[in-house]
């Protein structure tokens, strides 16, 4: 493992992530591609990050886990709220769906609020 520091803080590069016997191939299943400036980066899903930190039990992992749990809970609540609102106004209605039940999609909600 490499422990690195950059202007934005500390980060680790792990060659064998804890909690994943299948290594990075297993992590890639739920990963996300993000663009930061001119660079595309692939990041592990939050649930997978938590899953890797729990068995590692390093002091710095144990310190950050409560924050990660909180963020995961808030994200799930927001996603549930958006799911309850229904599809976006510009999405075609589903068969038999009354027009009044249509809301804003999670994707539109996220982009409007610069969701990470």
C-alpha atoms as a PDB file:
ATOM      1  CA  UNK A   1       0.000   0.000   0.000  1.00  0.00           C
ATOM      2  CA  UNK A   2       1.119   3.523  -0.728  1.00  0.00           C
ATOM      3  CA  UNK A   3       0.153   6.286   1.730  1.00  0.00           C
ATOM      4  CA  UNK A   4       0.258   9.599  -0.106  1.00  0.00           C
ATOM      5  CA  UNK A   5      -0.443  13.232   0.649  1.00  0.00           C
ATOM      6  CA  UNK A   6      -1.523  15.872  -1.849  1.00  0.00           C
ATOM      7  CA  UNK A   7      -2.789  19.467  -1.513  1.00  0.00           C
ATOM      8  CA  UNK A   8      -6.325  18.089  -0.954  1.00  0.00           C
ATOM      9  CA  UNK A   9      -5.297  15.731   1.856  1.00  0.00           C
ATOM     10  CA  UNK A  10      -4.157  12.166   2.434  1.00  0.00           C
ATOM     11  CA  UNK A  11      -5.068   9.192   0.287  1.00  0.00           C
ATOM     12  CA  UNK A  12      -3.982   5.593  -0.027  1.00  0.00           C
ATOM     13  CA  UNK A  13      -3.386   3.395  -3.020  1.00  0.00           C
ATOM     14  CA  UNK A  14      -4.045  -0.194  -2.047  1.00  0.00           C
ATOM     15  CA  UNK A  15      -2.921  -3.055  -4.239  1.00  0.00           C
ATOM     16  CA  UNK A  16      -5.036  -5.591  -2.324  1.00  0.00           C
ATOM     17  CA  UNK A  17      -8.184  -3.919  -0.941  1.00  0.00           C
ATOM     18  CA  UNK A  18      -9.395  -5.273   2.409  1.00  0.00           C
ATOM     19  CA  UNK A  19     -12.695  -7.120   2.332  1.00  0.00           C
ATOM     20  CA  UNK A  20     -12.492  -8.061  -1.362  1.00  0.00           C
ATOM     21  CA  UNK A  21     -11.091 -11.496  -2.096  1.00  0.00           C
ATOM     22  CA  UNK A  22     -11.641 -10.803  -5.803  1.00  0.00           C
ATOM     23  CA  UNK A  23      -9.469  -7.674  -5.613  1.00  0.00           C
ATOM     24  CA  UNK A  24     -10.098  -4.788  -7.955  1.00  0.00           C
ATOM     25  CA  UNK A  25     -12.143  -6.907 -10.362  1.00  0.00           C
ATOM     26  CA  UNK A  26     -14.705  -7.268  -7.575  1.00  0.00           C
ATOM     27  CA  UNK A  27     -14.599  -3.537  -6.767  1.00  0.00           C
ATOM     28  CA  UNK A  28     -15.011  -2.580 -10.436  1.00  0.00           C
ATOM     29  CA  UNK A  29     -18.514  -4.061 -10.528  1.00  0.00           C
ATOM     30  CA  UNK A  30     -19.974  -1.127  -8.535  1.00  0.00           C
ATOM     31  CA  UNK A  31     -17.388   1.542  -9.385  1.00  0.00           C
ATOM     32  CA  UNK A  32     -18.144   4.983 -10.792  1.00  0.00           C
ATOM     33  CA  UNK A  33     -16.347   6.986 -13.499  1.00  0.00           C
ATOM     34  CA  UNK A  34     -15.949  10.658 -12.588  1.00  0.00           C
ATOM     35  CA  UNK A  35     -14.361  13.519 -14.481  1.00  0.00           C
ATOM     36  CA  UNK A  36     -12.216  15.857 -12.395  1.00  0.00           C
ATOM     37  CA  UNK A  37     -10.898  18.665 -14.554  1.00  0.00           C
ATOM     38  CA  UNK A  38      -9.331  17.018 -17.587  1.00  0.00           C
ATOM     39  CA  UNK A  39      -8.966  13.595 -15.944  1.00  0.00           C
ATOM     40  CA  UNK A  40     -11.385  10.665 -15.778  1.00  0.00           C
ATOM     41  CA  UNK A  41     -11.036   8.668 -12.573  1.00  0.00           C
ATOM     42  CA  UNK A  42     -12.699   5.453 -11.518  1.00  0.00           C
ATOM     43  CA  UNK A  43     -13.715   5.360  -7.864  1.00  0.00           C
ATOM     44  CA  UNK A  44     -15.127   2.639  -5.677  1.00  0.00           C
ATOM     45  CA  UNK A  45     -18.758   2.861  -4.605  1.00  0.00           C
ATOM     46  CA  UNK A  46     -19.255   4.301  -1.110  1.00  0.00           C
ATOM     47  CA  UNK A  47     -20.646   0.993   0.198  1.00  0.00           C
ATOM     48  CA  UNK A  48     -17.514  -0.775  -1.070  1.00  0.00           C
ATOM     49  CA  UNK A  49     -15.235   1.830   0.537  1.00  0.00           C
ATOM     50  CA  UNK A  50     -17.005   1.217   3.846  1.00  0.00           C
ATOM     51  CA  UNK A  51     -16.764  -2.534   3.333  1.00  0.00           C
ATOM     52  CA  UNK A  52     -12.997  -2.257   2.818  1.00  0.00           C
ATOM     53  CA  UNK A  53     -12.410   0.006   5.829  1.00  0.00           C
ATOM     54  CA  UNK A  54     -14.340  -2.109   8.343  1.00  0.00           C
ATOM     55  CA  UNK A  55     -12.028  -5.154   8.293  1.00  0.00           C
ATOM     56  CA  UNK A  56      -8.862  -3.039   7.948  1.00  0.00           C
ATOM     57  CA  UNK A  57      -9.405  -1.642  11.491  1.00  0.00           C
ATOM     58  CA  UNK A  58      -6.656   0.938  11.109  1.00  0.00           C
ATOM     59  CA  UNK A  59      -7.076   3.921  13.449  1.00  0.00           C
ATOM     60  CA  UNK A  60      -7.603   6.334  10.538  1.00  0.00           C
ATOM     61  CA  UNK A  61     -10.265   4.029   9.044  1.00  0.00           C
ATOM     62  CA  UNK A  62     -12.067   3.746  12.372  1.00  0.00           C
ATOM     63  CA  UNK A  63     -12.043   7.555  12.701  1.00  0.00           C
ATOM     64  CA  UNK A  64     -13.653   8.110   9.285  1.00  0.00           C
ATOM     65  CA  UNK A  65     -16.227   5.295   9.390  1.00  0.00           C
ATOM     66  CA  UNK A  66     -18.876   7.283  11.348  1.00  0.00           C
ATOM     67  CA  UNK A  67     -18.718  10.047   8.723  1.00  0.00           C
ATOM     68  CA  UNK A  68     -19.002   7.506   5.904  1.00  0.00           C
ATOM     69  CA  UNK A  69     -21.986   5.813   7.579  1.00  0.00           C
ATOM     70  CA  UNK A  70     -23.667   9.206   7.972  1.00  0.00           C
ATOM     71  CA  UNK A  71     -23.028  10.119   4.325  1.00  0.00           C
ATOM     72  CA  UNK A  72     -24.328   6.736   3.164  1.00  0.00           C
ATOM     73  CA  UNK A  73     -27.487   7.130   5.251  1.00  0.00           C
ATOM     74  CA  UNK A  74     -28.109  10.655   3.926  1.00  0.00           C
ATOM     75  CA  UNK A  75     -27.557   9.525   0.337  1.00  0.00           C
ATOM     76  CA  UNK A  76     -29.971   6.611   0.737  1.00  0.00           C
ATOM     77  CA  UNK A  77     -32.605   8.916   2.244  1.00  0.00           C
ATOM     78  CA  UNK A  78     -32.242  11.379  -0.640  1.00  0.00           C
ATOM     79  CA  UNK A  79     -32.448   8.588  -3.213  1.00  0.00           C
ATOM     80  CA  UNK A  80     -35.578   7.219  -1.533  1.00  0.00           C
ATOM     81  CA  UNK A  81     -37.165  10.662  -1.542  1.00  0.00           C
ATOM     82  CA  UNK A  82     -36.443  11.036  -5.240  1.00  0.00           C
ATOM     83  CA  UNK A  83     -37.744   7.539  -5.982  1.00  0.00           C
ATOM     84  CA  UNK A  84     -40.961   8.432  -4.151  1.00  0.00           C
ATOM     85  CA  UNK A  85     -41.369  11.491  -6.397  1.00  0.00           C
ATOM     86  CA  UNK A  86     -41.346   9.354  -9.514  1.00  0.00           C
ATOM     87  CA  UNK A  87     -39.825   9.876 -12.985  1.00  0.00           C
ATOM     88  CA  UNK A  88     -38.733  13.205 -14.436  1.00  0.00           C
ATOM     89  CA  UNK A  89     -41.292  15.520 -16.031  1.00  0.00           C
ATOM     90  CA  UNK A  90     -39.602  15.019 -19.398  1.00  0.00           C
ATOM     91  CA  UNK A  91     -39.649  11.216 -19.110  1.00  0.00           C
ATOM     92  CA  UNK A  92     -42.420   9.457 -21.006  1.00  0.00           C
ATOM     93  CA  UNK A  93     -45.272   8.425 -18.694  1.00  0.00           C
ATOM     94  CA  UNK A  94     -45.583   4.773 -17.815  1.00  0.00           C
ATOM     95  CA  UNK A  95     -48.723   3.006 -18.958  1.00  0.00           C
ATOM     96  CA  UNK A  96     -51.596   3.979 -16.674  1.00  0.00           C
ATOM     97  CA  UNK A  97     -49.529   6.511 -14.729  1.00  0.00           C
ATOM     98  CA  UNK A  98     -51.496   9.641 -13.799  1.00  0.00           C
ATOM     99  CA  UNK A  99     -49.743  12.832 -14.844  1.00  0.00           C
ATOM    100  CA  UNK A 100     -50.005  14.285 -11.299  1.00  0.00           C
ATOM    101  CA  UNK A 101     -47.719  11.589  -9.820  1.00  0.00           C
ATOM    102  CA  UNK A 102     -44.763  12.613 -11.946  1.00  0.00           C
ATOM    103  CA  UNK A 103     -41.879  14.406 -10.263  1.00  0.00           C
ATOM    104  CA  UNK A 104     -38.191  15.111 -10.741  1.00  0.00           C
ATOM    105  CA  UNK A 105     -35.753  12.307 -11.445  1.00  0.00           C
ATOM    106  CA  UNK A 106     -32.840  11.587  -9.153  1.00  0.00           C
ATOM    107  CA  UNK A 107     -30.420  12.376 -11.986  1.00  0.00           C
ATOM    108  CA  UNK A 108     -31.935  15.829 -12.527  1.00  0.00           C
ATOM    109  CA  UNK A 109     -32.036  16.463  -8.787  1.00  0.00           C
ATOM    110  CA  UNK A 110     -28.392  15.467  -8.392  1.00  0.00           C
ATOM    111  CA  UNK A 111     -27.164  17.578 -11.307  1.00  0.00           C
ATOM    112  CA  UNK A 112     -29.162  20.597 -10.152  1.00  0.00           C
ATOM    113  CA  UNK A 113     -27.462  20.425  -6.755  1.00  0.00           C
ATOM    114  CA  UNK A 114     -23.976  19.368  -7.909  1.00  0.00           C
ATOM    115  CA  UNK A 115     -24.311  16.059  -6.064  1.00  0.00           C
ATOM    116  CA  UNK A 116     -20.900  14.415  -5.599  1.00  0.00           C
END
